[in-house]
PDB file of N, CA and C in Angstrom:
ATOM      1  N   MET A   1      18.377  35.774  25.450  1.00  0.00           N
ATOM      2  CA  MET A   1      18.327  34.953  24.256  1.00  0.00           C
ATOM      3  C   MET A   1      18.489  33.478  24.595  1.00  0.00           C
ATOM      4  N   VAL A   2      19.427  33.171  25.488  1.00  0.00           N
ATOM      5  CA  VAL A   2      19.639  31.787  25.892  1.00  0.00           C
ATOM      6  C   VAL A   2      18.390  31.260  26.580  1.00  0.00           C
ATOM      7  N   GLN A   3      17.785  32.098  27.401  1.00  0.00           N
ATOM      8  CA  GLN A   3      16.578  31.683  28.102  1.00  0.00           C
ATOM      9  C   GLN A   3      15.462  31.355  27.103  1.00  0.00           C
ATOM     10  N   GLY A   4      15.304  32.113  26.034  1.00  0.00           N
ATOM     11  CA  GLY A   4      14.293  31.858  25.011  1.00  0.00           C
ATOM     12  C   GLY A   4      14.518  30.525  24.319  1.00  0.00           C
ATOM     13  N   ARG A   5      15.789  30.227  24.041  1.00  0.00           N
ATOM     14  CA  ARG A   5      16.103  28.934  23.411  1.00  0.00           C
ATOM     15  C   ARG A   5      15.786  27.781  24.356  1.00  0.00           C
ATOM     16  N   PHE A   6      16.080  27.967  25.631  1.00  0.00           N
ATOM     17  CA  PHE A   6      15.823  26.919  26.625  1.00  0.00           C
ATOM     18  C   PHE A   6      14.331  26.597  26.670  1.00  0.00           C
ATOM     19  N   PHE A   7      13.497  27.632  26.792  1.00  0.00           N
ATOM     20  CA  PHE A   7      12.058  27.397  26.868  1.00  0.00           C
ATOM     21  C   PHE A   7      11.508  26.838  25.564  1.00  0.00           C
ATOM     22  N   GLY A   8      12.068  27.288  24.437  1.00  0.00           N
ATOM     23  CA  GLY A   8      11.658  26.726  23.149  1.00  0.00           C
ATOM     24  C   GLY A   8      11.980  25.248  23.081  1.00  0.00           C
ATOM     25  N   GLY A   9      13.152  24.866  23.591  1.00  0.00           N
ATOM     26  CA  GLY A   9      13.544  23.450  23.618  1.00  0.00           C
ATOM     27  C   GLY A   9      12.647  22.637  24.531  1.00  0.00           C
ATOM     28  N   VAL A  10      12.286  23.245  25.666  1.00  0.00           N
ATOM     29  CA  VAL A  10      11.391  22.557  26.598  1.00  0.00           C
ATOM     30  C   VAL A  10      10.028  22.338  25.941  1.00  0.00           C
ATOM     31  N   LEU A  11       9.523  23.341  25.240  1.00  0.00           N
ATOM     32  CA  LEU A  11       8.221  23.202  24.581  1.00  0.00           C
ATOM     33  C   LEU A  11       8.258  22.137  23.494  1.00  0.00           C
ATOM     34  N   ILE A  12       9.304  22.128  22.702  1.00  0.00           N
ATOM     35  CA  ILE A  12       9.422  21.116  21.651  1.00  0.00           C
ATOM     36  C   ILE A  12       9.563  19.730  22.267  1.00  0.00           C
ATOM     37  N   GLY A  13      10.397  19.610  23.297  1.00  0.00           N
ATOM     38  CA  GLY A  13      10.574  18.310  23.961  1.00  0.00           C
ATOM     39  C   GLY A  13       9.269  17.825  24.575  1.00  0.00           C
ATOM     40  N   GLY A  14       8.518  18.733  25.193  1.00  0.00           N
ATOM     41  CA  GLY A  14       7.229  18.361  25.780  1.00  0.00           C
ATOM     42  C   GLY A  14       6.239  17.910  24.727  1.00  0.00           C
ATOM     43  N   ALA A  15       6.234  18.601  23.606  1.00  0.00           N
ATOM     44  CA  ALA A  15       5.329  18.213  22.521  1.00  0.00           C
ATOM     45  C   ALA A  15       5.680  16.829  21.996  1.00  0.00           C
ATOM     46  N   LEU A  16       6.967  16.544  21.869  1.00  0.00           N
ATOM     47  CA  LEU A  16       7.375  15.214  21.406  1.00  0.00           C
ATOM     48  C   LEU A  16       6.968  14.135  22.401  1.00  0.00           C
ATOM     49  N   LEU A  17       7.127  14.411  23.682  1.00  0.00           N
ATOM     50  CA  LEU A  17       6.720  13.432  24.695  1.00  0.00           C
ATOM     51  C   LEU A  17       5.226  13.188  24.640  1.00  0.00           C
ATOM     52  N   LEU A  18       4.442  14.255  24.517  1.00  0.00           N
ATOM     53  CA  LEU A  18       2.988  14.096  24.459  1.00  0.00           C
ATOM     54  C   LEU A  18       2.550  13.371  23.203  1.00  0.00           C
ATOM     55  N   SER A  19       3.234  13.584  22.102  1.00  0.00           N
ATOM     56  CA  SER A  19       2.840  12.883  20.875  1.00  0.00           C
ATOM     57  C   SER A  19       3.048  11.385  21.030  1.00  0.00           C
ATOM     58  N   GLY A  20       3.988  10.976  21.852  1.00  0.00           N
ATOM     59  CA  GLY A  20       4.216   9.556  22.108  1.00  0.00           C
ATOM     60  C   GLY A  20       3.143   8.949  22.991  1.00  0.00           C
ATOM     61  N   CYS A  21       2.351   9.784  23.652  1.00  0.00           N
ATOM     62  CA  CYS A  21       1.307   9.289  24.556  1.00  0.00           C
ATOM     63  C   CYS A  21       0.001   8.999  23.833  1.00  0.00           C
ATOM     64  N   SER A  22      -0.113   9.415  22.582  1.00  0.00           N
ATOM     65  CA  SER A  22      -1.370   9.176  21.876  1.00  0.00           C
ATOM     66  C   SER A  22      -1.569   7.681  21.675  1.00  0.00           C
ATOM     67  N   LYS A  23      -2.819   7.274  21.699  1.00  0.00           N
ATOM     68  CA  LYS A  23      -3.148   5.857  21.582  1.00  0.00           C
ATOM     69  C   LYS A  23      -2.937   5.398  20.137  1.00  0.00           C
ATOM     70  N   ALA A  24      -2.010   4.493  19.956  1.00  0.00           N
ATOM     71  CA  ALA A  24      -1.757   3.946  18.627  1.00  0.00           C
ATOM     72  C   ALA A  24      -2.815   2.899  18.308  1.00  0.00           C
ATOM     73  N   VAL A  25      -3.278   2.907  17.078  1.00  0.00           N
ATOM     74  CA  VAL A  25      -4.252   1.918  16.639  1.00  0.00           C
ATOM     75  C   VAL A  25      -3.496   0.632  16.308  1.00  0.00           C
ATOM     76  N   PRO A  26      -3.881  -0.480  16.938  1.00  0.00           N
ATOM     77  CA  PRO A  26      -3.208  -1.742  16.625  1.00  0.00           C
ATOM     78  C   PRO A  26      -3.371  -2.090  15.147  1.00  0.00           C
ATOM     79  N   PRO A  27      -2.390  -2.759  14.586  1.00  0.00           N
ATOM     80  CA  PRO A  27      -2.523  -3.132  13.171  1.00  0.00           C
ATOM     81  C   PRO A  27      -3.662  -4.126  12.973  1.00  0.00           C
ATOM     82  N   ALA A  28      -4.243  -4.072  11.791  1.00  0.00           N
ATOM     83  CA  ALA A  28      -5.303  -5.020  11.454  1.00  0.00           C
ATOM     84  C   ALA A  28      -4.720  -6.421  11.400  1.00  0.00           C
ATOM     85  N   PRO A  29      -5.512  -7.417  11.760  1.00  0.00           N
ATOM     86  CA  PRO A  29      -5.005  -8.790  11.666  1.00  0.00           C
ATOM     87  C   PRO A  29      -4.754  -9.169  10.210  1.00  0.00           C
ATOM     88  N   THR A  30      -3.807 -10.059  10.018  1.00  0.00           N
ATOM     89  CA  THR A  30      -3.570 -10.588   8.675  1.00  0.00           C
ATOM     90  C   THR A  30      -4.771 -11.447   8.289  1.00  0.00           C
ATOM     91  N   PRO A  31      -4.932 -11.770   7.012  1.00  0.00           N
ATOM     92  CA  PRO A  31      -6.047 -12.653   6.621  1.00  0.00           C
ATOM     93  C   PRO A  31      -6.036 -13.976   7.381  1.00  0.00           C
ATOM     94  N   GLN A  32      -4.866 -14.539   7.610  1.00  0.00           N
ATOM     95  CA  GLN A  32      -4.778 -15.806   8.346  1.00  0.00           C
ATOM     96  C   GLN A  32      -5.174 -15.620   9.808  1.00  0.00           C
ATOM     97  N   GLU A  33      -4.730 -14.497  10.406  1.00  0.00           N
ATOM     98  CA  GLU A  33      -5.098 -14.219  11.800  1.00  0.00           C
ATOM     99  C   GLU A  33      -6.604 -13.993  11.922  1.00  0.00           C
ATOM    100  N   ALA A  34      -7.184 -13.263  10.981  1.00  0.00           N
ATOM    101  CA  ALA A  34      -8.626 -12.988  11.019  1.00  0.00           C
ATOM    102  C   ALA A  34      -9.422 -14.291  10.965  1.00  0.00           C
ATOM    103  N   LEU A  35      -8.990 -15.204  10.129  1.00  0.00           N
ATOM    104  CA  LEU A  35      -9.698 -16.493  10.029  1.00  0.00           C
ATOM    105  C   LEU A  35      -9.553 -17.327  11.299  1.00  0.00           C
ATOM    106  N   ALA A  36      -8.457 -17.147  12.031  1.00  0.00           N
ATOM    107  CA  ALA A  36      -8.205 -17.958  13.221  1.00  0.00           C
ATOM    108  C   ALA A  36      -8.850 -17.391  14.489  1.00  0.00           C
ATOM    109  N   LEU A  37      -9.208 -16.110  14.484  1.00  0.00           N
ATOM    110  CA  LEU A  37      -9.804 -15.500  15.676  1.00  0.00           C
ATOM    111  C   LEU A  37     -11.179 -16.076  15.957  1.00  0.00           C
ATOM    112  N   ARG A  38     -11.460 -16.292  17.250  1.00  0.00           N
ATOM    113  CA  ARG A  38     -12.799 -16.731  17.647  1.00  0.00           C
ATOM    114  C   ARG A  38     -13.044 -16.345  19.096  1.00  0.00           C
ATOM    115  N   PRO A  39     -14.296 -16.077  19.431  1.00  0.00           N
ATOM    116  CA  PRO A  39     -14.625 -15.713  20.818  1.00  0.00           C
ATOM    117  C   PRO A  39     -14.254 -16.821  21.798  1.00  0.00           C
ATOM    118  N   ALA A  40     -13.921 -16.429  23.013  1.00  0.00           N
ATOM    119  CA  ALA A  40     -13.545 -17.403  24.048  1.00  0.00           C
ATOM    120  C   ALA A  40     -14.754 -18.211  24.512  1.00  0.00           C
ATOM    121  N   ASP A  41     -15.908 -17.583  24.590  1.00  0.00           N
ATOM    122  CA  ASP A  41     -17.117 -18.280  25.037  1.00  0.00           C
ATOM    123  C   ASP A  41     -17.560 -19.260  23.942  1.00  0.00           C
ATOM    124  N   PRO A  42     -17.688 -20.545  24.258  1.00  0.00           N
ATOM    125  CA  PRO A  42     -18.027 -21.544  23.230  1.00  0.00           C
ATOM    126  C   PRO A  42     -19.350 -21.275  22.513  1.00  0.00           C
ATOM    127  N   ARG A  43     -20.362 -20.831  23.234  1.00  0.00           N
ATOM    128  CA  ARG A  43     -21.659 -20.561  22.607  1.00  0.00           C
ATOM    129  C   ARG A  43     -21.555 -19.393  21.627  1.00  0.00           C
ATOM    130  N   ILE A  44     -20.915 -18.311  22.051  1.00  0.00           N
ATOM    131  CA  ILE A  44     -20.741 -17.138  21.189  1.00  0.00           C
ATOM    132  C   ILE A  44     -19.832 -17.502  20.013  1.00  0.00           C
ATOM    133  N   ALA A  45     -18.834 -18.340  20.261  1.00  0.00           N
ATOM    134  CA  ALA A  45     -17.948 -18.792  19.179  1.00  0.00           C
ATOM    135  C   ALA A  45     -18.735 -19.560  18.126  1.00  0.00           C
ATOM    136  N   SER A  46     -19.660 -20.381  18.565  1.00  0.00           N
ATOM    137  CA  SER A  46     -20.484 -21.147  17.633  1.00  0.00           C
ATOM    138  C   SER A  46     -21.364 -20.216  16.797  1.00  0.00           C
ATOM    139  N   LEU A  47     -21.951 -19.221  17.443  1.00  0.00           N
ATOM    140  CA  LEU A  47     -22.771 -18.250  16.716  1.00  0.00           C
ATOM    141  C   LEU A  47     -21.915 -17.460  15.727  1.00  0.00           C
ATOM    142  N   TYR A  48     -20.737 -17.075  16.156  1.00  0.00           N
ATOM    143  CA  TYR A  48     -19.820 -16.341  15.289  1.00  0.00           C
ATOM    144  C   TYR A  48     -19.464 -17.167  14.054  1.00  0.00           C
ATOM    145  N   GLU A  49     -19.128 -18.436  14.280  1.00  0.00           N
ATOM    146  CA  GLU A  49     -18.733 -19.316  13.172  1.00  0.00           C
ATOM    147  C   GLU A  49     -19.863 -19.462  12.151  1.00  0.00           C
ATOM    148  N   SER A  50     -21.098 -19.546  12.634  1.00  0.00           N
ATOM    149  CA  SER A  50     -22.213 -19.799  11.723  1.00  0.00           C
ATOM    150  C   SER A  50     -22.825 -18.536  11.120  1.00  0.00           C
ATOM    151  N   ALA A  51     -22.652 -17.377  11.781  1.00  0.00           N
ATOM    152  CA  ALA A  51     -23.360 -16.197  11.302  1.00  0.00           C
ATOM    153  C   ALA A  51     -22.461 -15.021  10.900  1.00  0.00           C
ATOM    154  N   CYS A  52     -21.294 -14.898  11.480  1.00  0.00           N
ATOM    155  CA  CYS A  52     -20.497 -13.675  11.284  1.00  0.00           C
ATOM    156  C   CYS A  52     -19.214 -13.884  10.479  1.00  0.00           C
ATOM    157  N   LYS A  53     -18.590 -15.021  10.696  1.00  0.00           N
ATOM    158  CA  LYS A  53     -17.241 -15.244  10.186  1.00  0.00           C
ATOM    159  C   LYS A  53     -17.142 -15.151   8.665  1.00  0.00           C
ATOM    160  N   ALA A  54     -18.128 -15.627   7.949  1.00  0.00           N
ATOM    161  CA  ALA A  54     -18.061 -15.654   6.484  1.00  0.00           C
ATOM    162  C   ALA A  54     -17.834 -14.261   5.892  1.00  0.00           C
ATOM    163  N   CYS A  55     -18.341 -13.242   6.542  1.00  0.00           N
ATOM    164  CA  CYS A  55     -18.156 -11.879   6.034  1.00  0.00           C
ATOM    165  C   CYS A  55     -17.079 -11.105   6.799  1.00  0.00           C
ATOM    166  N   HIS A  56     -17.053 -11.247   8.123  1.00  0.00           N
ATOM    167  CA  HIS A  56     -16.178 -10.419   8.948  1.00  0.00           C
ATOM    168  C   HIS A  56     -14.761 -10.959   9.106  1.00  0.00           C
ATOM    169  N   ALA A  57     -14.463 -12.129   8.563  1.00  0.00           N
ATOM    170  CA  ALA A  57     -13.101 -12.665   8.631  1.00  0.00           C
ATOM    171  C   ALA A  57     -12.474 -12.805   7.252  1.00  0.00           C
ATOM    172  N   VAL A  58     -13.155 -12.315   6.228  1.00  0.00           N
ATOM    173  CA  VAL A  58     -12.679 -12.446   4.848  1.00  0.00           C
ATOM    174  C   VAL A  58     -12.598 -11.060   4.218  1.00  0.00           C
ATOM    175  N   ALA A  59     -11.397 -10.667   3.838  1.00  0.00           N
ATOM    176  CA  ALA A  59     -11.209  -9.360   3.202  1.00  0.00           C
ATOM    177  C   ALA A  59     -11.971  -9.295   1.879  1.00  0.00           C
ATOM    178  N   GLY A  60     -12.449  -8.110   1.558  1.00  0.00           N
ATOM    179  CA  GLY A  60     -13.119  -7.902   0.279  1.00  0.00           C
ATOM    180  C   GLY A  60     -14.622  -8.094   0.300  1.00  0.00           C
ATOM    181  N   THR A  61     -15.179  -8.468   1.442  1.00  0.00           N
ATOM    182  CA  THR A  61     -16.628  -8.667   1.508  1.00  0.00           C
ATOM    183  C   THR A  61     -17.372  -7.351   1.746  1.00  0.00           C
ATOM    184  N   GLY A  62     -16.642  -6.324   2.159  1.00  0.00           N
ATOM    185  CA  GLY A  62     -17.268  -5.047   2.486  1.00  0.00           C
ATOM    186  C   GLY A  62     -17.596  -4.913   3.961  1.00  0.00           C
ATOM    187  N   ALA A  63     -17.534  -6.007   4.690  1.00  0.00           N
ATOM    188  CA  ALA A  63     -17.797  -5.977   6.129  1.00  0.00           C
ATOM    189  C   ALA A  63     -16.513  -5.589   6.861  1.00  0.00           C
ATOM    190  N   PRO A  64     -16.631  -4.839   7.967  1.00  0.00           N
ATOM    191  CA  PRO A  64     -15.424  -4.537   8.738  1.00  0.00           C
ATOM    192  C   PRO A  64     -14.847  -5.832   9.312  1.00  0.00           C
ATOM    193  N   LEU A  65     -13.552  -6.030   9.116  1.00  0.00           N
ATOM    194  CA  LEU A  65     -12.929  -7.273   9.549  1.00  0.00           C
ATOM    195  C   LEU A  65     -12.809  -7.351  11.063  1.00  0.00           C
ATOM    196  N   VAL A  66     -12.887  -8.548  11.571  1.00  0.00           N
ATOM    197  CA  VAL A  66     -12.773  -8.822  12.992  1.00  0.00           C
ATOM    198  C   VAL A  66     -11.459  -8.236  13.528  1.00  0.00           C
ATOM    199  N   HIS A  67     -11.555  -7.526  14.644  1.00  0.00           N
ATOM    200  CA  HIS A  67     -10.426  -6.925  15.363  1.00  0.00           C
ATOM    201  C   HIS A  67      -9.664  -5.889  14.553  1.00  0.00           C
ATOM    202  N   ASP A  68     -10.250  -5.349  13.489  1.00  0.00           N
ATOM    203  CA  ASP A  68      -9.614  -4.287  12.714  1.00  0.00           C
ATOM    204  C   ASP A  68     -10.024  -2.957  13.339  1.00  0.00           C
ATOM    205  N   HIS A  69      -9.178  -2.438  14.209  1.00  0.00           N
ATOM    206  CA  HIS A  69      -9.517  -1.223  14.950  1.00  0.00           C
ATOM    207  C   HIS A  69      -9.737  -0.015  14.049  1.00  0.00           C
ATOM    208  N   ALA A  70      -9.001   0.079  12.946  1.00  0.00           N
ATOM    209  CA  ALA A  70      -9.201   1.212  12.041  1.00  0.00           C
ATOM    210  C   ALA A  70     -10.625   1.204  11.477  1.00  0.00           C
ATOM    211  N   ALA A  71     -11.177   0.029  11.262  1.00  0.00           N
ATOM    212  CA  ALA A  71     -12.547  -0.091  10.754  1.00  0.00           C
ATOM    213  C   ALA A  71     -13.581  -0.012  11.876  1.00  0.00           C
ATOM    214  N   TRP A  72     -13.285  -0.597  13.023  1.00  0.00           N
ATOM    215  CA  TRP A  72     -14.285  -0.707  14.083  1.00  0.00           C
ATOM    216  C   TRP A  72     -14.335   0.482  15.041  1.00  0.00           C
ATOM    217  N   ASP A  73     -13.200   1.136  15.304  1.00  0.00           N
ATOM    218  CA  ASP A  73     -13.213   2.216  16.298  1.00  0.00           C
ATOM    219  C   ASP A  73     -14.207   3.331  15.956  1.00  0.00           C
ATOM    220  N   PRO A  74     -14.269   3.802  14.704  1.00  0.00           N
ATOM    221  CA  PRO A  74     -15.288   4.825  14.401  1.00  0.00           C
ATOM    222  C   PRO A  74     -16.715   4.308  14.582  1.00  0.00           C
ATOM    223  N   ARG A  75     -16.935   3.054  14.263  1.00  0.00           N
ATOM    224  CA  ARG A  75     -18.268   2.473  14.460  1.00  0.00           C
ATOM    225  C   ARG A  75     -18.574   2.358  15.956  1.00  0.00           C
ATOM    226  N   TRP A  76     -17.582   1.920  16.732  1.00  0.00           N
ATOM    227  CA  TRP A  76     -17.760   1.739  18.170  1.00  0.00           C
ATOM    228  C   TRP A  76     -18.145   3.059  18.839  1.00  0.00           C
ATOM    229  N   LYS A  77     -17.608   4.151  18.334  1.00  0.00           N
ATOM    230  CA  LYS A  77     -17.916   5.469  18.905  1.00  0.00           C
ATOM    231  C   LYS A  77     -19.388   5.832  18.753  1.00  0.00           C
ATOM    232  N   GLN A  78     -20.094   5.194  17.829  1.00  0.00           N
ATOM    233  CA  GLN A  78     -21.535   5.435  17.674  1.00  0.00           C
ATOM    234  C   GLN A  78     -22.322   4.873  18.849  1.00  0.00           C
ATOM    235  N   GLY A  79     -21.735   3.920  19.541  1.00  0.00           N
ATOM    236  CA  GLY A  79     -22.380   3.301  20.689  1.00  0.00           C
ATOM    237  C   GLY A  79     -22.915   1.915  20.357  1.00  0.00           C
ATOM    238  N   LEU A  80     -22.857   1.050  21.341  1.00  0.00           N
ATOM    239  CA  LEU A  80     -23.313  -0.322  21.168  1.00  0.00           C
ATOM    240  C   LEU A  80     -24.788  -0.401  20.776  1.00  0.00           C
ATOM    241  N   PRO A  81     -25.672   0.405  21.353  1.00  0.00           N
ATOM    242  CA  PRO A  81     -27.080   0.333  20.934  1.00  0.00           C
ATOM    243  C   PRO A  81     -27.276   0.598  19.431  1.00  0.00           C
ATOM    244  N   VAL A  82     -26.532   1.531  18.876  1.00  0.00           N
ATOM    245  CA  VAL A  82     -26.643   1.821  17.438  1.00  0.00           C
ATOM    246  C   VAL A  82     -26.160   0.620  16.631  1.00  0.00           C
ATOM    247  N   LEU A  83     -25.051   0.027  17.042  1.00  0.00           N
ATOM    248  CA  LEU A  83     -24.519  -1.126  16.316  1.00  0.00           C
ATOM    249  C   LEU A  83     -25.466  -2.320  16.389  1.00  0.00           C
ATOM    250  N   VAL A  84     -26.064  -2.546  17.549  1.00  0.00           N
ATOM    251  CA  VAL A  84     -27.040  -3.631  17.674  1.00  0.00           C
ATOM    252  C   VAL A  84     -28.235  -3.352  16.768  1.00  0.00           C
ATOM    253  N   ASP A  85     -28.685  -2.106  16.731  1.00  0.00           N
ATOM    254  CA  ASP A  85     -29.803  -1.748  15.854  1.00  0.00           C
ATOM    255  C   ASP A  85     -29.441  -1.997  14.390  1.00  0.00           C
ATOM    256  N   HIS A  86     -28.214  -1.679  13.990  1.00  0.00           N
ATOM    257  CA  HIS A  86     -27.781  -1.951  12.615  1.00  0.00           C
ATOM    258  C   HIS A  86     -27.864  -3.439  12.298  1.00  0.00           C
ATOM    259  N   VAL A  87     -27.480  -4.265  13.266  1.00  0.00           N
ATOM    260  CA  VAL A  87     -27.558  -5.717  13.050  1.00  0.00           C
ATOM    261  C   VAL A  87     -29.016  -6.155  12.953  1.00  0.00           C
ATOM    262  N   LEU A  88     -29.831  -5.702  13.884  1.00  0.00           N
ATOM    263  CA  LEU A  88     -31.224  -6.148  13.925  1.00  0.00           C
ATOM    264  C   LEU A  88     -32.023  -5.672  12.707  1.00  0.00           C
ATOM    265  N   GLN A  89     -31.821  -4.431  12.304  1.00  0.00           N
ATOM    266  CA  GLN A  89     -32.587  -3.856  11.197  1.00  0.00           C
ATOM    267  C   GLN A  89     -31.968  -4.136   9.830  1.00  0.00           C
ATOM    268  N   GLY A  90     -30.688  -4.468   9.832  1.00  0.00           N
ATOM    269  CA  GLY A  90     -29.942  -4.565   8.584  1.00  0.00           C
ATOM    270  C   GLY A  90     -29.359  -3.196   8.275  1.00  0.00           C
ATOM    271  N   TYR A  91     -28.168  -3.168   7.745  1.00  0.00           N
ATOM    272  CA  TYR A  91     -27.503  -1.898   7.478  1.00  0.00           C
ATOM    273  C   TYR A  91     -26.517  -2.095   6.351  1.00  0.00           C
ATOM    274  N   ARG A  92     -26.672  -1.309   5.307  1.00  0.00           N
ATOM    275  CA  ARG A  92     -25.840  -1.442   4.110  1.00  0.00           C
ATOM    276  C   ARG A  92     -25.880  -2.894   3.653  1.00  0.00           C
ATOM    277  N   GLY A  93     -24.745  -3.599   3.616  1.00  0.00           N
ATOM    278  CA  GLY A  93     -24.733  -4.981   3.152  1.00  0.00           C
ATOM    279  C   GLY A  93     -25.105  -5.999   4.216  1.00  0.00           C
ATOM    280  N   MET A  94     -25.290  -5.540   5.460  1.00  0.00           N
ATOM    281  CA  MET A  94     -25.615  -6.448   6.566  1.00  0.00           C
ATOM    282  C   MET A  94     -27.085  -6.824   6.495  1.00  0.00           C
ATOM    283  N   PRO A  95     -27.359  -8.121   6.396  1.00  0.00           N
ATOM    284  CA  PRO A  95     -28.777  -8.531   6.386  1.00  0.00           C
ATOM    285  C   PRO A  95     -29.395  -8.355   7.770  1.00  0.00           C
ATOM    286  N   ALA A  96     -30.685  -8.117   7.801  1.00  0.00           N
ATOM    287  CA  ALA A  96     -31.388  -7.974   9.077  1.00  0.00           C
ATOM    288  C   ALA A  96     -31.163  -9.212   9.926  1.00  0.00           C
ATOM    289  N   GLY A  97     -30.836  -8.985  11.167  1.00  0.00           N
ATOM    290  CA  GLY A  97     -30.567 -10.087  12.083  1.00  0.00           C
ATOM    291  C   GLY A  97     -29.152 -10.607  11.990  1.00  0.00           C
ATOM    292  N   GLY A  98     -28.377 -10.089  11.052  1.00  0.00           N
ATOM    293  CA  GLY A  98     -26.990 -10.517  10.927  1.00  0.00           C
ATOM    294  C   GLY A  98     -26.831 -11.990  10.616  1.00  0.00           C
ATOM    295  N   GLN A  99     -27.798 -12.582   9.959  1.00  0.00           N
ATOM    296  CA  GLN A  99     -27.809 -14.006   9.603  1.00  0.00           C
ATOM    297  C   GLN A  99     -27.840 -14.924  10.825  1.00  0.00           C
ATOM    298  N   CYS A 100     -28.233 -14.385  11.961  1.00  0.00           N
ATOM    299  CA  CYS A 100     -28.300 -15.211  13.169  1.00  0.00           C
ATOM    300  C   CYS A 100     -29.741 -15.216  13.678  1.00  0.00           C
ATOM    301  N   LEU A 101     -30.481 -16.216  13.277  1.00  0.00           N
ATOM    302  CA  LEU A 101     -31.893 -16.296  13.651  1.00  0.00           C
ATOM    303  C   LEU A 101     -32.093 -16.671  15.115  1.00  0.00           C
ATOM    304  N   THR A 102     -31.096 -17.286  15.737  1.00  0.00           N
ATOM    305  CA  THR A 102     -31.233 -17.714  17.132  1.00  0.00           C
ATOM    306  C   THR A 102     -30.576 -16.747  18.116  1.00  0.00           C
ATOM    307  N   CYS A 103     -29.955 -15.674  17.620  1.00  0.00           N
ATOM    308  CA  CYS A 103     -29.262 -14.736  18.503  1.00  0.00           C
ATOM    309  C   CYS A 103     -30.233 -13.879  19.303  1.00  0.00           C
ATOM    310  N   THR A 104     -29.925 -13.707  20.558  1.00  0.00           N
ATOM    311  CA  THR A 104     -30.649 -12.777  21.423  1.00  0.00           C
ATOM    312  C   THR A 104     -29.951 -11.415  21.319  1.00  0.00           C
ATOM    313  N   PRO A 105     -30.578 -10.359  21.814  1.00  0.00           N
ATOM    314  CA  PRO A 105     -29.878  -9.069  21.834  1.00  0.00           C
ATOM    315  C   PRO A 105     -28.538  -9.143  22.593  1.00  0.00           C
ATOM    316  N   GLN A 106     -28.492  -9.929  23.649  1.00  0.00           N
ATOM    317  CA  GLN A 106     -27.236 -10.092  24.401  1.00  0.00           C
ATOM    318  C   GLN A 106     -26.181 -10.811  23.548  1.00  0.00           C
ATOM    319  N   ASP A 107     -26.627 -11.780  22.755  1.00  0.00           N
ATOM    320  CA  ASP A 107     -25.700 -12.456  21.840  1.00  0.00           C
ATOM    321  C   ASP A 107     -25.134 -11.461  20.830  1.00  0.00           C
ATOM    322  N   HIS A 108     -25.997 -10.630  20.269  1.00  0.00           N
ATOM    323  CA  HIS A 108     -25.540  -9.629  19.302  1.00  0.00           C
ATOM    324  C   HIS A 108     -24.533  -8.689  19.947  1.00  0.00           C
ATOM    325  N   GLN A 109     -24.796  -8.272  21.177  1.00  0.00           N
ATOM    326  CA  GLN A 109     -23.861  -7.400  21.881  1.00  0.00           C
ATOM    327  C   GLN A 109     -22.502  -8.086  22.056  1.00  0.00           C
ATOM    328  N   ALA A 110     -22.522  -9.341  22.481  1.00  0.00           N
ATOM    329  CA  ALA A 110     -21.273 -10.084  22.678  1.00  0.00           C
ATOM    330  C   ALA A 110     -20.522 -10.260  21.356  1.00  0.00           C
ATOM    331  N   LEU A 111     -21.253 -10.535  20.300  1.00  0.00           N
ATOM    332  CA  LEU A 111     -20.618 -10.708  18.992  1.00  0.00           C
ATOM    333  C   LEU A 111     -20.018  -9.395  18.492  1.00  0.00           C
ATOM    334  N   ILE A 112     -20.731  -8.300  18.663  1.00  0.00           N
ATOM    335  CA  ILE A 112     -20.206  -7.003  18.247  1.00  0.00           C
ATOM    336  C   ILE A 112     -18.974  -6.645  19.064  1.00  0.00           C
ATOM    337  N   ARG A 113     -19.029  -6.881  20.371  1.00  0.00           N
ATOM    338  CA  ARG A 113     -17.858  -6.620  21.219  1.00  0.00           C
ATOM    339  C   ARG A 113     -16.649  -7.429  20.735  1.00  0.00           C
ATOM    340  N   PHE A 114     -16.872  -8.688  20.392  1.00  0.00           N
ATOM    341  CA  PHE A 114     -15.783  -9.516  19.889  1.00  0.00           C
ATOM    342  C   PHE A 114     -15.253  -8.961  18.570  1.00  0.00           C
ATOM    343  N   LEU A 115     -16.142  -8.680  17.626  1.00  0.00           N
ATOM    344  CA  LEU A 115     -15.720  -8.173  16.336  1.00  0.00           C
ATOM    345  C   LEU A 115     -14.922  -6.886  16.464  1.00  0.00           C
ATOM    346  N   ALA A 116     -15.387  -5.974  17.329  1.00  0.00           N
ATOM    347  CA  ALA A 116     -14.737  -4.691  17.513  1.00  0.00           C
ATOM    348  C   ALA A 116     -13.558  -4.760  18.473  1.00  0.00           C
ATOM    349  N   ASP A 117     -13.321  -5.925  19.066  1.00  0.00           N
ATOM    350  CA  ASP A 117     -12.229  -6.127  20.029  1.00  0.00           C
ATOM    351  C   ASP A 117     -12.382  -5.184  21.220  1.00  0.00           C
ATOM    352  N   GLN A 118     -13.599  -5.144  21.767  1.00  0.00           N
ATOM    353  CA  GLN A 118     -13.910  -4.317  22.917  1.00  0.00           C
ATOM    354  C   GLN A 118     -14.256  -5.211  24.102  1.00  0.00           C
ATOM    355  N   PRO A 119     -13.686  -4.937  25.254  1.00  0.00           N
ATOM    356  CA  PRO A 119     -13.934  -5.794  26.424  1.00  0.00           C
ATOM    357  C   PRO A 119     -15.355  -5.670  26.955  1.00  0.00           C
ATOM    358  N   GLU A 120     -15.768  -6.705  27.630  1.00  0.00           N
ATOM    359  CA  GLU A 120     -17.067  -6.683  28.315  1.00  0.00           C
ATOM    360  C   GLU A 120     -16.967  -5.657  29.453  1.00  0.00           C
ATOM    361  N   PRO A 121     -18.045  -4.932  29.719  1.00  0.00           N
ATOM    362  CA  PRO A 121     -17.997  -3.975  30.845  1.00  0.00           C
ATOM    363  C   PRO A 121     -17.873  -4.734  32.149  1.00  0.00           C
ATOM    364  N   LYS A 122     -17.170  -4.121  33.076  1.00  0.00           N
ATOM    365  CA  LYS A 122     -17.008  -4.742  34.408  1.00  0.00           C
ATOM    366  C   LYS A 122     -18.223  -4.410  35.252  1.00  0.00           C
ATOM    367  N   PRO A 123     -18.738  -5.406  35.982  1.00  0.00           N
ATOM    368  CA  PRO A 123     -19.938  -5.157  36.803  1.00  0.00           C
ATOM    369  C   PRO A 123     -19.695  -4.203  37.937  1.00  0.00           C
TER     370      PRO A 123
END
């Protein structure tokens, strides 16, 4: 009987330890933080300011907010090519081209990575 309790305790303790290992979703930025976020690259920052920020940094627009992992992680799982296609073709409230007439596909990728708070792949 004592042995059964010991193993039961070990199983419960192990489960508690493993539950602590799950990846916690970072909290969404506050409205002030969302407005202050900008890409490190000056060119991409300029494109973001002129084409993305008006919708993706303001709550209530229907667009997923910048660095909001709860909103972006499910989208990110679709894959970057799908997200770029949504921008290029338009998707739901997103206008075709994402309001960026001068953006290249690489620019769109960089902007999506910034919005979703996903790092650039390492070469």
